[in-house]
């Protein structure tokens, strides 16, 4: 395992210097899931929630979160994102919303944190909009699925990892 890049030789936190790194195309995909009661899932599926289109609001929140990532994660570099896409899959049988967030950039550092933040905030937004009808919802499975580009190249989560 390599050393933690956000710690200097004395163990102090610092922002990594990416000044000498080349600009490359980079992308990252992250996921999250929100488990809920079947009745809550029915409201989402039918578009019958009193607050409106929950998934549309969660999509916009996720995109906004990706753009604001360095405001939330102290040592994260500000990036000029090429894109941030959020998609949802309703798993009716298990009463879960599966969230996938994908971010792309031409830059000197990766976009994993932006994708993870986007997936997390999209999940939190679903919770916020549905909590009046289902306070027992659970957010889980937040993780990086894939990253492309940069010095470390391509990484993809293995099945069951």
Protein backbone atom coordinates (compact mmCIF):
# COMPACT_ATOMS: atom_id res chain seq x y z
CA UNK A 1 0.00 0.00 0.00
CA UNK A 2 1.33 3.45 -0.86
CA UNK A 3 1.67 6.24 1.68
CA UNK A 4 -1.11 8.74 2.34
CA UNK A 5 -0.56 11.63 -0.05
CA UNK A 6 -2.30 14.25 2.10
CA UNK A 7 0.23 13.89 4.93
CA UNK A 8 3.70 15.39 4.78
CA UNK A 9 6.85 13.84 6.27
CA UNK A 10 5.91 15.16 9.73
CA UNK A 11 2.36 13.80 9.56
CA UNK A 12 0.73 17.18 9.00
CA UNK A 13 -2.18 17.47 6.58
CA UNK A 14 -1.50 19.39 3.37
CA UNK A 15 -2.95 19.86 -0.08
CA UNK A 16 -1.09 17.74 -2.64
CA UNK A 17 0.92 19.78 -5.16
CA UNK A 18 -0.31 18.74 -8.61
CA UNK A 19 1.49 21.57 -10.45
CA UNK A 20 3.93 19.34 -12.33
CA UNK A 21 1.37 16.69 -13.29
CA UNK A 22 0.14 16.58 -16.88
CA UNK A 23 -3.45 17.38 -17.81
CA UNK A 24 -5.24 14.16 -18.79
CA UNK A 25 -8.82 13.08 -19.35
CA UNK A 26 -10.17 11.59 -16.14
CA UNK A 27 -13.49 10.15 -15.07
CA UNK A 28 -14.92 8.52 -11.98
CA UNK A 29 -18.14 6.67 -11.24
CA UNK A 30 -19.55 6.26 -7.73
CA UNK A 31 -22.70 4.67 -6.37
CA UNK A 32 -25.04 4.81 -3.40
CA UNK A 33 -28.37 3.24 -2.48
CA UNK A 34 -31.37 4.36 -0.49
CA UNK A 35 -33.54 1.64 1.07
CA UNK A 36 -37.13 2.57 1.91
CA UNK A 37 -40.57 1.21 2.65
CA UNK A 38 -42.48 -0.23 -0.32
CA UNK A 39 -45.07 2.55 0.09
CA UNK A 40 -42.35 5.20 -0.27
CA UNK A 41 -41.00 3.43 -3.34
CA UNK A 42 -44.52 3.50 -4.77
CA UNK A 43 -44.65 7.28 -4.38
CA UNK A 44 -41.36 7.63 -6.28
CA UNK A 45 -42.34 5.16 -9.00
CA UNK A 46 -45.72 6.81 -9.57
CA UNK A 47 -44.41 10.39 -9.26
CA UNK A 48 -47.02 10.91 -6.57
CA UNK A 49 -44.91 12.55 -3.87
CA UNK A 50 -46.44 15.79 -2.54
CA UNK A 51 -43.09 17.59 -2.83
CA UNK A 52 -42.83 16.88 -6.57
CA UNK A 53 -40.31 14.97 -8.65
CA UNK A 54 -37.94 13.65 -5.98
CA UNK A 55 -35.45 12.16 -8.43
CA UNK A 56 -35.23 15.35 -10.52
CA UNK A 57 -34.38 17.35 -7.40
CA UNK A 58 -31.89 14.69 -6.26
CA UNK A 59 -30.22 14.77 -9.69
CA UNK A 60 -29.75 18.54 -9.55
CA UNK A 61 -28.50 18.30 -5.94
CA UNK A 62 -25.94 15.67 -6.93
CA UNK A 63 -24.66 17.77 -9.82
CA UNK A 64 -24.44 20.83 -7.59
CA UNK A 65 -22.59 18.82 -4.94
CA UNK A 66 -19.99 17.64 -7.47
CA UNK A 67 -19.34 21.27 -8.40
CA UNK A 68 -19.02 22.27 -4.72
CA UNK A 69 -16.81 19.37 -3.61
CA UNK A 70 -13.77 21.48 -2.59
CA UNK A 71 -16.08 23.58 -0.39
CA UNK A 72 -16.94 20.42 1.56
CA UNK A 73 -13.71 18.36 1.49
CA UNK A 74 -10.91 20.55 2.86
CA UNK A 75 -7.93 19.23 0.85
CA UNK A 76 -9.82 18.62 -2.41
CA UNK A 77 -8.62 20.59 -5.44
CA UNK A 78 -11.15 22.83 -7.21
CA UNK A 79 -11.82 21.31 -10.64
CA UNK A 80 -13.49 22.65 -13.76
CA UNK A 81 -15.73 19.66 -14.42
CA UNK A 82 -16.53 18.66 -18.00
CA UNK A 83 -19.65 16.85 -16.84
CA UNK A 84 -21.50 15.43 -13.87
CA UNK A 85 -24.24 12.91 -14.57
CA UNK A 86 -26.54 11.29 -12.02
CA UNK A 87 -28.75 8.32 -12.85
CA UNK A 88 -31.25 6.36 -10.80
CA UNK A 89 -32.56 2.83 -10.96
CA UNK A 90 -35.66 1.94 -8.98
CA UNK A 91 -35.34 -1.61 -7.65
CA UNK A 92 -39.00 -2.15 -6.86
CA UNK A 93 -38.50 -5.68 -5.49
CA UNK A 94 -36.05 -4.55 -2.80
CA UNK A 95 -37.52 -1.03 -2.35
CA UNK A 96 -34.19 0.60 -3.12
CA UNK A 97 -33.11 3.52 -5.26
CA UNK A 98 -29.74 2.76 -6.83
CA UNK A 99 -27.77 5.91 -7.59
CA UNK A 100 -24.86 6.24 -10.01
CA UNK A 101 -22.83 9.44 -10.32
CA UNK A 102 -20.24 9.93 -13.05
CA UNK A 103 -17.93 12.93 -13.30
CA UNK A 104 -15.44 13.84 -16.02
CA UNK A 105 -12.64 16.39 -16.20
CA UNK A 106 -9.56 17.28 -18.20
CA UNK A 107 -7.22 17.96 -15.31
CA UNK A 108 -4.19 17.22 -13.19
CA UNK A 109 -6.03 15.29 -10.50
CA UNK A 110 -8.87 12.79 -10.40
CA UNK A 111 -12.59 13.29 -9.90
CA UNK A 112 -13.28 10.46 -7.46
CA UNK A 113 -14.26 12.82 -4.65
CA UNK A 114 -16.66 14.71 -6.92
CA UNK A 115 -18.40 11.50 -7.97
CA UNK A 116 -18.59 10.22 -4.38
CA UNK A 117 -19.94 13.56 -3.16
CA UNK A 118 -22.52 13.66 -5.96
CA UNK A 119 -23.81 10.16 -5.16
CA UNK A 120 -23.91 10.92 -1.42
CA UNK A 121 -25.78 14.21 -1.76
CA UNK A 122 -28.26 12.73 -4.25
CA UNK A 123 -29.00 10.02 -1.65
CA UNK A 124 -29.31 12.59 1.14
CA UNK A 125 -31.71 14.62 -1.01
CA UNK A 126 -33.95 11.60 -1.54
CA UNK A 127 -33.94 11.11 2.23
CA UNK A 128 -34.71 14.77 2.86
CA UNK A 129 -37.62 14.86 0.43
CA UNK A 130 -39.14 11.58 1.65
CA UNK A 131 -38.45 11.72 5.39
CA UNK A 132 -41.96 12.97 6.20
CA UNK A 133 -43.38 9.66 4.99
CA UNK A 134 -40.46 7.33 5.86
CA UNK A 135 -37.95 8.31 8.56
CA UNK A 136 -36.52 4.77 8.56
CA UNK A 137 -34.90 5.06 5.12
CA UNK A 138 -31.29 3.96 5.06
CA UNK A 139 -28.43 5.19 2.89
CA UNK A 140 -25.75 2.59 2.18
CA UNK A 141 -23.32 1.28 -0.38
CA UNK A 142 -21.54 4.56 -1.05
CA UNK A 143 -18.39 3.73 -2.96
CA UNK A 144 -16.21 4.22 -5.98
CA UNK A 145 -17.15 1.93 -8.86
CA UNK A 146 -14.58 2.95 -11.46
CA UNK A 147 -11.93 5.57 -12.24
CA UNK A 148 -10.12 6.22 -15.48
CA UNK A 149 -7.12 8.37 -16.32
CA UNK A 150 -4.12 9.78 -14.56
CA UNK A 151 -0.91 8.06 -13.52
CA UNK A 152 -2.67 5.11 -11.88
CA UNK A 153 -4.76 4.45 -15.00
CA UNK A 154 -7.92 2.36 -14.92
CA UNK A 155 -9.39 0.91 -11.74
CA UNK A 156 -12.70 -0.92 -11.45
CA UNK A 157 -14.31 -2.41 -8.36
CA UNK A 158 -14.37 -6.18 -8.55
CA UNK A 159 -17.66 -8.01 -8.09
CA UNK A 160 -18.31 -8.51 -4.36
CA UNK A 161 -15.61 -6.02 -3.34
